[in-house]
Amino acid sequence: MAYSPLGRGFLAGTVDVTSLPPGDARKRLPRFRTTANQVIADAVRALAEMKGVAPAQLALAWVHARSEHLGIPVVPIPGTKRVKWLEQNVAAAAIELTADEVATLDGLAAQAVGGRY
């Protein structure tokens, strides 16, 4: 199971690390203590726009595509409180990525600054 496959909202394009409210738990996470990772989120957003999908859907499709690389099934299970995000997340299962898109997303993942936790 892929834990927090949308990076706690970061890869969904819904988080600006510079405007997290006081007390937001993400402020304690290393990857949210820098703006360097915004380049990754911006690139994911741009690729998603080119494919006509939401950034969160692209991120979930990439996690699912990791199955081939790892040789085992990978099932992303993002958490959500809203039906519209659930529907969007489920629709991500139908998105097919090209080898070039997977390679691009792999490269972006390798650029992440800061440990996960």
N, C-alpha and C. Protein backbone atom coordinates (compact mmCIF):
# COMPACT_ATOMS: atom_id res chain seq x y z
N MET A 1 0.84 -1.18 0.00
CA MET A 1 0.00 0.00 0.00
C MET A 1 0.89 1.24 0.00
N ALA A 2 0.55 2.16 -0.82
CA ALA A 2 1.30 3.42 -0.88
C ALA A 2 0.70 4.38 0.14
N TYR A 3 1.49 4.71 1.14
CA TYR A 3 1.03 5.58 2.22
C TYR A 3 1.10 7.05 1.80
N SER A 4 0.03 7.76 1.98
CA SER A 4 -0.05 9.19 1.67
C SER A 4 0.44 9.48 0.25
N PRO A 5 -0.17 8.84 -0.76
CA PRO A 5 0.33 8.96 -2.13
C PRO A 5 0.22 10.36 -2.74
N LEU A 6 -0.53 11.23 -2.11
CA LEU A 6 -0.63 12.60 -2.64
C LEU A 6 0.20 13.58 -1.81
N GLY A 7 1.08 13.03 -0.98
CA GLY A 7 1.99 13.89 -0.23
C GLY A 7 1.27 14.88 0.67
N ARG A 8 0.20 14.41 1.31
CA ARG A 8 -0.59 15.25 2.22
C ARG A 8 -1.10 16.51 1.53
N GLY A 9 -1.52 16.32 0.28
CA GLY A 9 -2.10 17.42 -0.50
C GLY A 9 -1.10 18.12 -1.40
N PHE A 10 0.18 17.89 -1.19
CA PHE A 10 1.19 18.60 -1.95
C PHE A 10 1.12 18.29 -3.43
N LEU A 11 1.01 17.01 -3.78
CA LEU A 11 0.95 16.63 -5.19
C LEU A 11 -0.43 16.83 -5.81
N ALA A 12 -1.39 17.13 -4.98
CA ALA A 12 -2.73 17.44 -5.50
C ALA A 12 -2.79 18.89 -5.97
N GLY A 13 -1.75 19.64 -5.66
CA GLY A 13 -1.72 21.05 -6.07
C GLY A 13 -2.58 21.93 -5.19
N THR A 14 -2.91 21.43 -4.00
CA THR A 14 -3.78 22.20 -3.11
C THR A 14 -3.06 22.80 -1.92
N VAL A 15 -1.73 22.65 -1.88
CA VAL A 15 -0.97 23.12 -0.72
C VAL A 15 0.11 24.10 -1.16
N ASP A 16 0.16 25.21 -0.47
CA ASP A 16 1.23 26.18 -0.64
C ASP A 16 1.98 26.21 0.69
N VAL A 17 3.22 25.70 0.70
CA VAL A 17 3.95 25.58 1.97
C VAL A 17 4.19 26.92 2.64
N THR A 18 4.16 27.99 1.88
CA THR A 18 4.39 29.30 2.47
C THR A 18 3.16 29.84 3.18
N SER A 19 2.01 29.22 2.97
CA SER A 19 0.80 29.74 3.60
C SER A 19 0.09 28.72 4.49
N LEU A 20 0.82 27.72 4.97
CA LEU A 20 0.22 26.77 5.90
C LEU A 20 -0.11 27.52 7.19
N PRO A 21 -1.30 27.30 7.72
CA PRO A 21 -1.70 28.02 8.94
C PRO A 21 -0.91 27.55 10.15
N PRO A 22 -0.80 28.40 11.16
CA PRO A 22 -0.13 27.99 12.40
C PRO A 22 -0.80 26.73 12.95
N GLY A 23 -0.01 25.83 13.45
CA GLY A 23 -0.54 24.60 14.01
C GLY A 23 -0.78 23.49 13.01
N ASP A 24 -0.60 23.77 11.71
CA ASP A 24 -0.77 22.73 10.70
C ASP A 24 0.34 21.70 10.89
N ALA A 25 -0.05 20.44 11.07
CA ALA A 25 0.91 19.37 11.36
C ALA A 25 1.95 19.20 10.26
N ARG A 26 1.62 19.59 9.04
CA ARG A 26 2.58 19.44 7.94
C ARG A 26 3.81 20.32 8.13
N LYS A 27 3.68 21.37 8.92
CA LYS A 27 4.84 22.24 9.17
C LYS A 27 5.97 21.50 9.88
N ARG A 28 5.65 20.40 10.52
CA ARG A 28 6.67 19.61 11.21
C ARG A 28 7.37 18.62 10.29
N LEU A 29 6.82 18.39 9.11
CA LEU A 29 7.39 17.42 8.18
C LEU A 29 8.49 18.07 7.34
N PRO A 30 9.65 17.41 7.22
CA PRO A 30 10.78 18.00 6.51
C PRO A 30 10.47 18.48 5.09
N ARG A 31 9.66 17.75 4.36
CA ARG A 31 9.38 18.14 2.98
C ARG A 31 8.50 19.38 2.88
N PHE A 32 7.86 19.75 3.97
CA PHE A 32 7.03 20.95 3.97
C PHE A 32 7.75 22.15 4.58
N ARG A 33 8.98 21.94 5.02
CA ARG A 33 9.75 23.04 5.61
C ARG A 33 10.63 23.74 4.59
N THR A 34 10.45 23.42 3.33
CA THR A 34 11.22 24.04 2.26
C THR A 34 10.31 24.34 1.08
N THR A 35 10.65 25.36 0.33
CA THR A 35 9.89 25.66 -0.88
C THR A 35 10.54 24.98 -2.10
N ALA A 36 11.68 24.31 -1.89
CA ALA A 36 12.39 23.66 -3.00
C ALA A 36 11.53 22.62 -3.70
N ASN A 37 10.65 21.96 -2.98
CA ASN A 37 9.81 20.92 -3.58
C ASN A 37 8.69 21.49 -4.43
N GLN A 38 8.49 22.80 -4.38
CA GLN A 38 7.44 23.40 -5.19
C GLN A 38 7.70 23.19 -6.68
N VAL A 39 8.96 23.10 -7.06
CA VAL A 39 9.32 22.84 -8.46
C VAL A 39 8.71 21.51 -8.91
N ILE A 40 8.74 20.53 -8.04
CA ILE A 40 8.18 19.21 -8.35
C ILE A 40 6.67 19.33 -8.53
N ALA A 41 6.02 19.98 -7.58
CA ALA A 41 4.56 20.14 -7.67
C ALA A 41 4.17 20.91 -8.92
N ASP A 42 4.94 21.92 -9.26
CA ASP A 42 4.65 22.70 -10.48
C ASP A 42 4.80 21.85 -11.74
N ALA A 43 5.83 21.00 -11.76
CA ALA A 43 6.05 20.13 -12.92
C ALA A 43 4.94 19.07 -13.03
N VAL A 44 4.51 18.54 -11.90
CA VAL A 44 3.40 17.58 -11.91
C VAL A 44 2.14 18.27 -12.43
N ARG A 45 1.90 19.47 -11.97
CA ARG A 45 0.73 20.23 -12.42
C ARG A 45 0.78 20.48 -13.93
N ALA A 46 1.95 20.85 -14.44
CA ALA A 46 2.10 21.12 -15.88
C ALA A 46 1.86 19.86 -16.70
N LEU A 47 2.42 18.73 -16.28
CA LEU A 47 2.22 17.48 -16.99
C LEU A 47 0.75 17.06 -16.94
N ALA A 48 0.13 17.26 -15.79
CA ALA A 48 -1.29 16.92 -15.65
C ALA A 48 -2.14 17.76 -16.61
N GLU A 49 -1.83 19.03 -16.71
CA GLU A 49 -2.57 19.90 -17.62
C GLU A 49 -2.42 19.43 -19.06
N MET A 50 -1.21 19.02 -19.44
CA MET A 50 -0.98 18.52 -20.81
C MET A 50 -1.80 17.26 -21.08
N LYS A 51 -1.99 16.42 -20.05
CA LYS A 51 -2.77 15.19 -20.21
C LYS A 51 -4.26 15.42 -20.03
N GLY A 52 -4.63 16.59 -19.52
CA GLY A 52 -6.05 16.88 -19.29
C GLY A 52 -6.61 16.19 -18.06
N VAL A 53 -5.75 15.99 -17.06
CA VAL A 53 -6.17 15.36 -15.81
C VAL A 53 -5.76 16.26 -14.64
N ALA A 54 -6.27 15.97 -13.48
CA ALA A 54 -5.91 16.72 -12.28
C ALA A 54 -4.52 16.27 -11.80
N PRO A 55 -3.77 17.16 -11.15
CA PRO A 55 -2.46 16.76 -10.63
C PRO A 55 -2.55 15.54 -9.70
N ALA A 56 -3.57 15.49 -8.87
CA ALA A 56 -3.73 14.35 -7.97
C ALA A 56 -3.91 13.05 -8.76
N GLN A 57 -4.66 13.12 -9.84
CA GLN A 57 -4.87 11.93 -10.66
C GLN A 57 -3.56 11.47 -11.29
N LEU A 58 -2.77 12.40 -11.75
CA LEU A 58 -1.48 12.05 -12.35
C LEU A 58 -0.58 11.39 -11.31
N ALA A 59 -0.54 11.95 -10.12
CA ALA A 59 0.28 11.39 -9.05
C ALA A 59 -0.17 9.97 -8.71
N LEU A 60 -1.47 9.76 -8.63
CA LEU A 60 -1.98 8.43 -8.32
C LEU A 60 -1.69 7.44 -9.45
N ALA A 61 -1.82 7.90 -10.68
CA ALA A 61 -1.51 7.04 -11.82
C ALA A 61 -0.03 6.64 -11.80
N TRP A 62 0.84 7.57 -11.41
CA TRP A 62 2.26 7.26 -11.32
C TRP A 62 2.53 6.22 -10.23
N VAL A 63 1.90 6.39 -9.08
CA VAL A 63 2.08 5.40 -8.00
C VAL A 63 1.64 4.02 -8.49
N HIS A 64 0.51 3.97 -9.15
CA HIS A 64 0.02 2.70 -9.68
C HIS A 64 1.00 2.12 -10.71
N ALA A 65 1.59 2.99 -11.53
CA ALA A 65 2.54 2.54 -12.55
C ALA A 65 3.82 1.99 -11.93
N ARG A 66 4.08 2.27 -10.69
CA ARG A 66 5.28 1.75 -10.01
C ARG A 66 5.20 0.22 -9.88
N SER A 67 4.00 -0.35 -10.04
CA SER A 67 3.84 -1.81 -9.97
C SER A 67 4.79 -2.50 -10.94
N GLU A 68 4.85 -1.98 -12.16
CA GLU A 68 5.70 -2.59 -13.18
C GLU A 68 7.17 -2.52 -12.77
N HIS A 69 7.59 -1.38 -12.27
CA HIS A 69 8.99 -1.20 -11.86
C HIS A 69 9.35 -2.10 -10.68
N LEU A 70 8.45 -2.20 -9.72
CA LEU A 70 8.73 -2.96 -8.50
C LEU A 70 8.44 -4.45 -8.65
N GLY A 71 7.65 -4.80 -9.66
CA GLY A 71 7.33 -6.20 -9.88
C GLY A 71 6.27 -6.75 -8.93
N ILE A 72 5.60 -5.90 -8.23
CA ILE A 72 4.50 -6.29 -7.34
C ILE A 72 3.38 -5.28 -7.49
N PRO A 73 2.15 -5.67 -7.21
CA PRO A 73 1.06 -4.70 -7.30
C PRO A 73 1.23 -3.57 -6.28
N VAL A 74 1.02 -2.37 -6.73
CA VAL A 74 1.04 -1.20 -5.85
C VAL A 74 -0.33 -0.55 -5.94
N VAL A 75 -0.97 -0.40 -4.81
CA VAL A 75 -2.31 0.17 -4.78
C VAL A 75 -2.28 1.45 -3.96
N PRO A 76 -2.40 2.60 -4.64
CA PRO A 76 -2.45 3.86 -3.88
C PRO A 76 -3.83 4.01 -3.23
N ILE A 77 -3.83 4.35 -1.97
CA ILE A 77 -5.09 4.57 -1.27
C ILE A 77 -5.02 5.94 -0.60
N PRO A 78 -5.44 6.95 -1.34
CA PRO A 78 -5.43 8.29 -0.75
C PRO A 78 -6.61 8.48 0.20
N GLY A 79 -6.38 9.23 1.24
CA GLY A 79 -7.47 9.55 2.15
C GLY A 79 -8.22 10.77 1.65
N THR A 80 -9.48 10.84 1.94
CA THR A 80 -10.28 12.00 1.56
C THR A 80 -11.51 12.08 2.44
N LYS A 81 -12.04 13.28 2.54
CA LYS A 81 -13.26 13.50 3.30
C LYS A 81 -14.42 13.89 2.40
N ARG A 82 -14.12 14.09 1.12
CA ARG A 82 -15.14 14.60 0.20
C ARG A 82 -15.38 13.65 -0.96
N VAL A 83 -16.65 13.50 -1.31
CA VAL A 83 -17.04 12.59 -2.39
C VAL A 83 -16.40 13.01 -3.71
N LYS A 84 -16.33 14.33 -3.99
CA LYS A 84 -15.77 14.75 -5.27
C LYS A 84 -14.31 14.33 -5.41
N TRP A 85 -13.54 14.34 -4.31
CA TRP A 85 -12.15 13.91 -4.39
C TRP A 85 -12.07 12.40 -4.51
N LEU A 86 -12.98 11.70 -3.86
CA LEU A 86 -13.02 10.25 -3.99
C LEU A 86 -13.27 9.85 -5.44
N GLU A 87 -14.24 10.50 -6.06
CA GLU A 87 -14.54 10.21 -7.46
C GLU A 87 -13.35 10.52 -8.36
N GLN A 88 -12.68 11.63 -8.10
CA GLN A 88 -11.50 12.00 -8.89
C GLN A 88 -10.40 10.97 -8.69
N ASN A 89 -10.20 10.54 -7.45
CA ASN A 89 -9.16 9.55 -7.17
C ASN A 89 -9.44 8.22 -7.86
N VAL A 90 -10.68 7.78 -7.83
CA VAL A 90 -11.04 6.52 -8.47
C VAL A 90 -10.80 6.60 -9.98
N ALA A 91 -11.12 7.74 -10.57
CA ALA A 91 -10.94 7.93 -12.02
C ALA A 91 -9.46 7.85 -12.41
N ALA A 92 -8.57 8.08 -11.49
CA ALA A 92 -7.13 8.02 -11.78
C ALA A 92 -6.70 6.62 -12.20
N ALA A 93 -7.44 5.60 -11.80
CA ALA A 93 -7.08 4.22 -12.15
C ALA A 93 -7.14 3.98 -13.66
N ALA A 94 -7.90 4.80 -14.36
CA ALA A 94 -8.04 4.62 -15.82
C ALA A 94 -6.99 5.39 -16.62
N ILE A 95 -6.16 6.16 -15.96
CA ILE A 95 -5.16 6.97 -16.65
C ILE A 95 -3.94 6.10 -16.98
N GLU A 96 -3.58 6.12 -18.23
CA GLU A 96 -2.39 5.38 -18.66
C GLU A 96 -1.26 6.36 -18.92
N LEU A 97 -0.11 6.03 -18.41
CA LEU A 97 1.07 6.87 -18.59
C LEU A 97 2.01 6.23 -19.60
N THR A 98 2.63 7.08 -20.42
CA THR A 98 3.64 6.57 -21.35
C THR A 98 4.94 6.32 -20.57
N ALA A 99 5.84 5.59 -21.18
CA ALA A 99 7.14 5.34 -20.55
C ALA A 99 7.87 6.65 -20.29
N ASP A 100 7.75 7.62 -21.22
CA ASP A 100 8.40 8.92 -21.02
C ASP A 100 7.80 9.67 -19.84
N GLU A 101 6.48 9.59 -19.69
CA GLU A 101 5.84 10.27 -18.57
C GLU A 101 6.26 9.65 -17.24
N VAL A 102 6.32 8.32 -17.20
CA VAL A 102 6.77 7.64 -15.98
C VAL A 102 8.21 8.04 -15.67
N ALA A 103 9.05 8.08 -16.69
CA ALA A 103 10.46 8.47 -16.48
C ALA A 103 10.55 9.91 -15.97
N THR A 104 9.74 10.79 -16.51
CA THR A 104 9.73 12.18 -16.04
C THR A 104 9.32 12.24 -14.58
N LEU A 105 8.26 11.53 -14.23
CA LEU A 105 7.77 11.54 -12.84
C LEU A 105 8.76 10.86 -11.91
N ASP A 106 9.43 9.80 -12.37
CA ASP A 106 10.48 9.16 -11.56
C ASP A 106 11.59 10.16 -11.25
N GLY A 107 11.97 10.92 -12.27
CA GLY A 107 13.02 11.92 -12.08
C GLY A 107 12.60 13.00 -11.11
N LEU A 108 11.37 13.42 -11.18
CA LEU A 108 10.87 14.43 -10.24
C LEU A 108 10.87 13.90 -8.82
N ALA A 109 10.45 12.65 -8.66
CA ALA A 109 10.43 12.04 -7.32
C ALA A 109 11.83 11.99 -6.73
N ALA A 110 12.81 11.75 -7.57
CA ALA A 110 14.19 11.66 -7.10
C ALA A 110 14.73 13.00 -6.63
N GLN A 111 14.08 14.08 -7.02
CA GLN A 111 14.52 15.44 -6.67
C GLN A 111 13.95 15.93 -5.33
N ALA A 112 13.07 15.16 -4.72
CA ALA A 112 12.41 15.62 -3.49
C ALA A 112 13.45 15.96 -2.42
N VAL A 113 13.24 17.08 -1.77
CA VAL A 113 14.14 17.57 -0.73
C VAL A 113 13.51 17.31 0.63
N GLY A 114 14.28 16.74 1.54
CA GLY A 114 13.79 16.48 2.89
C GLY A 114 13.23 15.07 3.02
N GLY A 115 13.43 14.47 4.18
CA GLY A 115 12.89 13.14 4.42
C GLY A 115 11.37 13.17 4.50
N ARG A 116 10.78 12.02 4.33
CA ARG A 116 9.31 11.96 4.39
C ARG A 116 8.80 12.37 5.76
N TYR A 117 9.45 11.85 6.81
CA TYR A 117 8.97 12.13 8.18
C TYR A 117 10.13 12.38 9.09
